[in-house]
Amino acid sequence: MNILLLLNTLVLFLETVKTHENLKRNKSKGHSARTLQPLDD
């Protein structure tokens, strides 16, 4: 497997996890969760 492809996938995965964590944090806070919601689709 191409090492660059592997790195790319890893970075993308980490970004997704970070976004998901932010989404959960905002949900408990309340208001900005609605703005981020479409990213889940």
PDB file of N, CA and C in Angstrom:
ATOM      1  N   MET A   1       0.848  -1.206   0.000  1.00  0.00           N
ATOM      2  CA  MET A   1       0.000   0.000   0.000  1.00  0.00           C
ATOM      3  C   MET A   1       0.882   1.254   0.000  1.00  0.00           C
ATOM      4  N   ASN A   2       0.441   2.240  -0.701  1.00  0.00           N
ATOM      5  CA  ASN A   2       1.152   3.516  -0.742  1.00  0.00           C
ATOM      6  C   ASN A   2       1.147   4.166   0.646  1.00  0.00           C
ATOM      7  N   ILE A   3       2.326   4.533   1.109  1.00  0.00           N
ATOM      8  CA  ILE A   3       2.446   5.142   2.440  1.00  0.00           C
ATOM      9  C   ILE A   3       1.725   6.481   2.534  1.00  0.00           C
ATOM     10  N   LEU A   4       1.723   7.243   1.446  1.00  0.00           N
ATOM     11  CA  LEU A   4       1.024   8.529   1.443  1.00  0.00           C
ATOM     12  C   LEU A   4      -0.484   8.339   1.570  1.00  0.00           C
ATOM     13  N   LEU A   5      -0.985   7.318   0.903  1.00  0.00           N
ATOM     14  CA  LEU A   5      -2.411   7.018   0.978  1.00  0.00           C
ATOM     15  C   LEU A   5      -2.785   6.631   2.407  1.00  0.00           C
ATOM     16  N   LEU A   6      -1.910   5.853   3.020  1.00  0.00           N
ATOM     17  CA  LEU A   6      -2.132   5.434   4.396  1.00  0.00           C
ATOM     18  C   LEU A   6      -2.149   6.637   5.340  1.00  0.00           C
ATOM     19  N   LEU A   7      -1.188   7.524   5.174  1.00  0.00           N
ATOM     20  CA  LEU A   7      -1.130   8.733   5.997  1.00  0.00           C
ATOM     21  C   LEU A   7      -2.363   9.603   5.797  1.00  0.00           C
ATOM     22  N   ASN A   8      -2.756   9.730   4.544  1.00  0.00           N
ATOM     23  CA  ASN A   8      -3.927  10.524   4.207  1.00  0.00           C
ATOM     24  C   ASN A   8      -5.175   9.994   4.901  1.00  0.00           C
ATOM     25  N   THR A   9      -5.333   8.676   4.863  1.00  0.00           N
ATOM     26  CA  THR A   9      -6.482   8.033   5.492  1.00  0.00           C
ATOM     27  C   THR A   9      -6.473   8.259   6.998  1.00  0.00           C
ATOM     28  N   LEU A  10      -5.291   8.159   7.579  1.00  0.00           N
ATOM     29  CA  LEU A  10      -5.162   8.354   9.017  1.00  0.00           C
ATOM     30  C   LEU A  10      -5.535   9.777   9.415  1.00  0.00           C
ATOM     31  N   VAL A  11      -5.036  10.757   8.669  1.00  0.00           N
ATOM     32  CA  VAL A  11      -5.348  12.158   8.948  1.00  0.00           C
ATOM     33  C   VAL A  11      -6.844  12.409   8.814  1.00  0.00           C
ATOM     34  N   LEU A  12      -7.427  11.876   7.757  1.00  0.00           N
ATOM     35  CA  LEU A  12      -8.855  12.039   7.534  1.00  0.00           C
ATOM     36  C   LEU A  12      -9.660  11.444   8.685  1.00  0.00           C
ATOM     37  N   PHE A  13      -9.228  10.267   9.133  1.00  0.00           N
ATOM     38  CA  PHE A  13      -9.888   9.597  10.249  1.00  0.00           C
ATOM     39  C   PHE A  13      -9.809  10.447  11.516  1.00  0.00           C
ATOM     40  N   LEU A  14      -8.629  10.978  11.793  1.00  0.00           N
ATOM     41  CA  LEU A  14      -8.445  11.805  12.982  1.00  0.00           C
ATOM     42  C   LEU A  14      -9.293  13.069  12.929  1.00  0.00           C
ATOM     43  N   GLU A  15      -9.368  13.676  11.744  1.00  0.00           N
ATOM     44  CA  GLU A  15     -10.198  14.871  11.574  1.00  0.00           C
ATOM     45  C   GLU A  15     -11.671  14.549  11.831  1.00  0.00           C
ATOM     46  N   THR A  16     -12.110  13.398  11.346  1.00  0.00           N
ATOM     47  CA  THR A  16     -13.492  12.970  11.536  1.00  0.00           C
ATOM     48  C   THR A  16     -13.801  12.781  13.015  1.00  0.00           C
ATOM     49  N   VAL A  17     -12.877  12.155  13.717  1.00  0.00           N
ATOM     50  CA  VAL A  17     -13.058  11.937  15.156  1.00  0.00           C
ATOM     51  C   VAL A  17     -13.121  13.268  15.899  1.00  0.00           C
ATOM     52  N   LYS A  18     -12.239  14.194  15.512  1.00  0.00           N
ATOM     53  CA  LYS A  18     -12.207  15.503  16.151  1.00  0.00           C
ATOM     54  C   LYS A  18     -13.525  16.240  15.934  1.00  0.00           C
ATOM     55  N   THR A  19     -14.023  16.190  14.700  1.00  0.00           N
ATOM     56  CA  THR A  19     -15.290  16.836  14.366  1.00  0.00           C
ATOM     57  C   THR A  19     -16.428  16.219  15.172  1.00  0.00           C
ATOM     58  N   HIS A  20     -16.404  14.895  15.290  1.00  0.00           N
ATOM     59  CA  HIS A  20     -17.451  14.189  16.029  1.00  0.00           C
ATOM     60  C   HIS A  20     -17.430  14.569  17.506  1.00  0.00           C
ATOM     61  N   GLU A  21     -16.237  14.694  18.068  1.00  0.00           N
ATOM     62  CA  GLU A  21     -16.101  15.112  19.465  1.00  0.00           C
ATOM     63  C   GLU A  21     -16.643  16.519  19.664  1.00  0.00           C
ATOM     64  N   ASN A  22     -16.341  17.411  18.727  1.00  0.00           N
ATOM     65  CA  ASN A  22     -16.850  18.780  18.793  1.00  0.00           C
ATOM     66  C   ASN A  22     -18.359  18.806  18.709  1.00  0.00           C
ATOM     67  N   LEU A  23     -18.909  17.955  17.859  1.00  0.00           N
ATOM     68  CA  LEU A  23     -20.346  17.858  17.680  1.00  0.00           C
ATOM     69  C   LEU A  23     -21.011  17.442  18.988  1.00  0.00           C
ATOM     70  N   LYS A  24     -20.436  16.454  19.654  1.00  0.00           N
ATOM     71  CA  LYS A  24     -20.981  15.985  20.924  1.00  0.00           C
ATOM     72  C   LYS A  24     -20.893  17.065  21.994  1.00  0.00           C
ATOM     73  N   ARG A  25     -19.759  17.777  22.013  1.00  0.00           N
ATOM     74  CA  ARG A  25     -19.560  18.829  23.004  1.00  0.00           C
ATOM     75  C   ARG A  25     -20.575  19.950  22.793  1.00  0.00           C
ATOM     76  N   ASN A  26     -20.784  20.316  21.523  1.00  0.00           N
ATOM     77  CA  ASN A  26     -21.730  21.388  21.205  1.00  0.00           C
ATOM     78  C   ASN A  26     -23.159  20.971  21.504  1.00  0.00           C
ATOM     79  N   LYS A  27     -23.443  19.687  21.336  1.00  0.00           N
ATOM     80  CA  LYS A  27     -24.787  19.186  21.590  1.00  0.00           C
ATOM     81  C   LYS A  27     -25.151  19.367  23.060  1.00  0.00           C
ATOM     82  N   SER A  28     -24.209  19.069  23.937  1.00  0.00           N
ATOM     83  CA  SER A  28     -24.474  19.237  25.362  1.00  0.00           C
ATOM     84  C   SER A  28     -24.579  20.715  25.735  1.00  0.00           C
ATOM     85  N   LYS A  29     -23.850  21.557  24.991  1.00  0.00           N
ATOM     86  CA  LYS A  29     -23.935  22.997  25.217  1.00  0.00           C
ATOM     87  C   LYS A  29     -25.270  23.533  24.703  1.00  0.00           C
ATOM     88  N   GLY A  30     -25.689  23.024  23.555  1.00  0.00           N
ATOM     89  CA  GLY A  30     -27.002  23.406  23.037  1.00  0.00           C
ATOM     90  C   GLY A  30     -27.034  24.009  21.657  1.00  0.00           C
ATOM     91  N   HIS A  31     -26.672  25.291  21.515  1.00  0.00           N
ATOM     92  CA  HIS A  31     -27.041  26.048  20.326  1.00  0.00           C
ATOM     93  C   HIS A  31     -26.295  25.718  19.027  1.00  0.00           C
ATOM     94  N   SER A  32     -24.976  25.705  18.997  1.00  0.00           N
ATOM     95  CA  SER A  32     -24.258  25.563  17.726  1.00  0.00           C
ATOM     96  C   SER A  32     -24.315  24.149  17.150  1.00  0.00           C
ATOM     97  N   ALA A  33     -24.898  23.205  17.880  1.00  0.00           N
ATOM     98  CA  ALA A  33     -25.013  21.829  17.391  1.00  0.00           C
ATOM     99  C   ALA A  33     -25.817  21.771  16.100  1.00  0.00           C
ATOM    100  N   ARG A  34     -26.838  22.618  16.010  1.00  0.00           N
ATOM    101  CA  ARG A  34     -27.697  22.609  14.832  1.00  0.00           C
ATOM    102  C   ARG A  34     -26.938  23.006  13.561  1.00  0.00           C
ATOM    103  N   THR A  35     -25.981  23.903  13.692  1.00  0.00           N
ATOM    104  CA  THR A  35     -25.194  24.355  12.545  1.00  0.00           C
ATOM    105  C   THR A  35     -24.304  23.232  12.012  1.00  0.00           C
ATOM    106  N   LEU A  36     -23.797  22.394  12.927  1.00  0.00           N
ATOM    107  CA  LEU A  36     -22.874  21.338  12.531  1.00  0.00           C
ATOM    108  C   LEU A  36     -23.586  20.072  12.060  1.00  0.00           C
ATOM    109  N   GLN A  37     -24.857  19.964  12.347  1.00  0.00           N
ATOM    110  CA  GLN A  37     -25.627  18.759  12.052  1.00  0.00           C
ATOM    111  C   GLN A  37     -25.481  18.205  10.634  1.00  0.00           C
ATOM    112  N   PRO A  38     -25.553  19.036   9.563  1.00  0.00           N
ATOM    113  CA  PRO A  38     -25.474  18.512   8.188  1.00  0.00           C
ATOM    114  C   PRO A  38     -24.194  17.735   7.891  1.00  0.00           C
ATOM    115  N   LEU A  39     -23.126  17.956   8.654  1.00  0.00           N
ATOM    116  CA  LEU A  39     -21.870  17.243   8.448  1.00  0.00           C
ATOM    117  C   LEU A  39     -22.011  15.748   8.714  1.00  0.00           C
ATOM    118  N   ASP A  40     -23.000  15.381   9.506  1.00  0.00           N
ATOM    119  CA  ASP A  40     -23.230  13.975   9.845  1.00  0.00           C
ATOM    120  C   ASP A  40     -23.694  13.145   8.667  1.00  0.00           C
ATOM    121  N   ASP A  41     -24.352  13.794   7.691  1.00  0.00           N
ATOM    122  CA  ASP A  41     -24.891  13.043   6.561  1.00  0.00           C
ATOM    123  C   ASP A  41     -23.843  12.390   5.728  1.00  0.00           C
TER     124      ASP A  41
END
